[in-house]
Amino acid sequence: MNGAGSNLVGKFFLTFDEDREIRFQGQVLRCLGSGYFLCQLFSAITGEPTNSIVQPVHDMKGWKFYGDEAQWHRAYDAAAAKLRLRCSTK
């Protein structure tokens, strides 16, 4: 795949559910062609790699991508802090 899709390889990502809570966190490992990507998921508890998934690019709409691991960690920490704040005010 050429163009914008190939630029996803190496990017870290977060996905969110309807309540804006983190659903998945991971990294795009490889473009498999025909609009499909191999992604590595990471545990929210340990941060260790868990499952690998094949994801079509059209299902990656709405994912938040980060250029490096430090940006990704900061975004995760910010989202987790918002969730803690929301839970503490209920």
C-alpha atoms as a PDB file:
ATOM      1  CA  MET A   1       0.000   0.000   0.000  1.00  0.00           C
ATOM      2  CA  ASN A   2       1.371   3.384  -0.948  1.00  0.00           C
ATOM      3  CA  GLY A   3       0.438   6.784   0.396  1.00  0.00           C
ATOM      4  CA  ALA A   4      -0.954   7.673   3.803  1.00  0.00           C
ATOM      5  CA  GLY A   5      -1.626   4.089   4.882  1.00  0.00           C
ATOM      6  CA  SER A   6       2.023   3.083   4.684  1.00  0.00           C
ATOM      7  CA  ASN A   7       2.817   5.989   7.018  1.00  0.00           C
ATOM      8  CA  LEU A   8       0.968   4.138   9.790  1.00  0.00           C
ATOM      9  CA  VAL A   9       3.688   1.501  10.118  1.00  0.00           C
ATOM     10  CA  GLY A  10       5.607   2.031  13.343  1.00  0.00           C
ATOM     11  CA  LYS A  11       2.980   4.340  14.837  1.00  0.00           C
ATOM     12  CA  PHE A  12       1.592   3.697  18.294  1.00  0.00           C
ATOM     13  CA  PHE A  13      -2.156   3.981  18.826  1.00  0.00           C
ATOM     14  CA  LEU A  14      -5.003   4.148  21.291  1.00  0.00           C
ATOM     15  CA  THR A  15      -8.589   3.221  20.524  1.00  0.00           C
ATOM     16  CA  PHE A  16     -11.573   4.386  22.540  1.00  0.00           C
ATOM     17  CA  ASP A  17     -15.072   3.076  23.195  1.00  0.00           C
ATOM     18  CA  GLU A  18     -18.329   5.069  23.096  1.00  0.00           C
ATOM     19  CA  ASP A  19     -17.650   6.442  26.602  1.00  0.00           C
ATOM     20  CA  ARG A  20     -14.186   7.690  25.503  1.00  0.00           C
ATOM     21  CA  GLU A  21     -12.470   5.078  27.642  1.00  0.00           C
ATOM     22  CA  ILE A  22      -9.380   3.358  26.269  1.00  0.00           C
ATOM     23  CA  ARG A  23     -10.292   0.121  24.557  1.00  0.00           C
ATOM     24  CA  PHE A  24      -7.004  -0.987  22.986  1.00  0.00           C
ATOM     25  CA  GLN A  25      -3.420   0.219  22.895  1.00  0.00           C
ATOM     26  CA  GLY A  26      -0.798  -0.937  20.467  1.00  0.00           C
ATOM     27  CA  GLN A  27       1.573  -0.394  17.584  1.00  0.00           C
ATOM     28  CA  VAL A  28       1.178  -0.863  13.844  1.00  0.00           C
ATOM     29  CA  LEU A  29       3.860  -3.368  12.868  1.00  0.00           C
ATOM     30  CA  ARG A  30       3.443  -3.921   9.155  1.00  0.00           C
ATOM     31  CA  CYS A  31       1.335  -3.195   6.111  1.00  0.00           C
ATOM     32  CA  LEU A  32       0.110  -6.514   4.723  1.00  0.00           C
ATOM     33  CA  GLY A  33      -1.210  -4.995   1.503  1.00  0.00           C
ATOM     34  CA  SER A  34      -4.751  -4.453   0.227  1.00  0.00           C
ATOM     35  CA  GLY A  35      -5.479  -2.086   3.131  1.00  0.00           C
ATOM     36  CA  TYR A  36      -4.667  -4.502   5.984  1.00  0.00           C
ATOM     37  CA  PHE A  37      -2.217  -3.943   8.837  1.00  0.00           C
ATOM     38  CA  LEU A  38      -0.621  -6.212  11.426  1.00  0.00           C
ATOM     39  CA  CYS A  39      -0.917  -4.578  14.857  1.00  0.00           C
ATOM     40  CA  GLN A  40       0.588  -5.544  18.196  1.00  0.00           C
ATOM     41  CA  LEU A  41      -1.650  -4.980  21.222  1.00  0.00           C
ATOM     42  CA  PHE A  42      -0.312  -4.292  24.721  1.00  0.00           C
ATOM     43  CA  SER A  43      -1.693  -5.077  28.163  1.00  0.00           C
ATOM     44  CA  ALA A  44      -3.238  -2.127  29.995  1.00  0.00           C
ATOM     45  CA  ILE A  45      -2.049  -3.659  33.273  1.00  0.00           C
ATOM     46  CA  THR A  46       1.557  -4.648  32.544  1.00  0.00           C
ATOM     47  CA  GLY A  47       2.309  -2.857  29.291  1.00  0.00           C
ATOM     48  CA  GLU A  48       3.625  -6.128  27.874  1.00  0.00           C
ATOM     49  CA  PRO A  49       2.714  -7.323  24.363  1.00  0.00           C
ATOM     50  CA  THR A  50      -0.399  -9.492  24.269  1.00  0.00           C
ATOM     51  CA  ASN A  51      -2.164 -10.332  21.002  1.00  0.00           C
ATOM     52  CA  SER A  52      -1.401  -9.446  17.417  1.00  0.00           C
ATOM     53  CA  ILE A  53      -4.339  -8.567  15.184  1.00  0.00           C
ATOM     54  CA  VAL A  54      -4.861  -7.968  11.482  1.00  0.00           C
ATOM     55  CA  GLN A  55      -6.854  -4.785  11.054  1.00  0.00           C
ATOM     56  CA  PRO A  56      -8.380  -3.328   7.875  1.00  0.00           C
ATOM     57  CA  VAL A  57      -7.541   0.341   7.467  1.00  0.00           C
ATOM     58  CA  HIS A  58     -11.232   1.278   7.182  1.00  0.00           C
ATOM     59  CA  ASP A  59     -11.768  -0.006  10.746  1.00  0.00           C
ATOM     60  CA  MET A  60      -8.915   2.169  12.016  1.00  0.00           C
ATOM     61  CA  LYS A  61     -10.934   5.335  11.517  1.00  0.00           C
ATOM     62  CA  GLY A  62     -11.152   7.128  14.836  1.00  0.00           C
ATOM     63  CA  TRP A  63      -7.962   5.576  16.191  1.00  0.00           C
ATOM     64  CA  LYS A  64      -5.523   8.077  17.685  1.00  0.00           C
ATOM     65  CA  PHE A  65      -1.981   7.631  16.346  1.00  0.00           C
ATOM     66  CA  TYR A  66       1.253   8.804  17.954  1.00  0.00           C
ATOM     67  CA  GLY A  67       4.642   9.259  16.346  1.00  0.00           C
ATOM     68  CA  ASP A  68       6.666   7.805  19.184  1.00  0.00           C
ATOM     69  CA  GLU A  69       6.357   5.819  22.376  1.00  0.00           C
ATOM     70  CA  ALA A  70       6.737   8.874  24.646  1.00  0.00           C
ATOM     71  CA  GLN A  71       3.765  10.666  23.008  1.00  0.00           C
ATOM     72  CA  TRP A  72       1.739   7.474  23.255  1.00  0.00           C
ATOM     73  CA  HIS A  73       2.506   7.092  26.984  1.00  0.00           C
ATOM     74  CA  ARG A  74       1.584  10.726  27.661  1.00  0.00           C
ATOM     75  CA  ALA A  75      -1.723  10.304  25.817  1.00  0.00           C
ATOM     76  CA  TYR A  76      -2.471   7.102  27.746  1.00  0.00           C
ATOM     77  CA  ASP A  77      -1.678   8.793  31.068  1.00  0.00           C
ATOM     78  CA  ALA A  78      -3.912  11.766  30.184  1.00  0.00           C
ATOM     79  CA  ALA A  79      -6.819   9.494  29.184  1.00  0.00           C
ATOM     80  CA  ALA A  80      -6.407   7.403  32.349  1.00  0.00           C
ATOM     81  CA  ALA A  81      -6.358  10.570  34.493  1.00  0.00           C
ATOM     82  CA  LYS A  82      -9.607  11.765  32.881  1.00  0.00           C
ATOM     83  CA  LEU A  83     -11.207   8.412  33.630  1.00  0.00           C
ATOM     84  CA  ARG A  84     -10.054   8.501  37.268  1.00  0.00           C
ATOM     85  CA  LEU A  85     -11.434  12.031  37.628  1.00  0.00           C
ATOM     86  CA  ARG A  86     -14.759  11.034  36.068  1.00  0.00           C
ATOM     87  CA  CYS A  87     -15.019   7.994  38.341  1.00  0.00           C
ATOM     88  CA  SER A  88     -14.179   9.985  41.469  1.00  0.00           C
ATOM     89  CA  THR A  89     -16.940  12.541  40.811  1.00  0.00           C
ATOM     90  CA  LYS A  90     -19.720   9.961  40.406  1.00  0.00           C
END
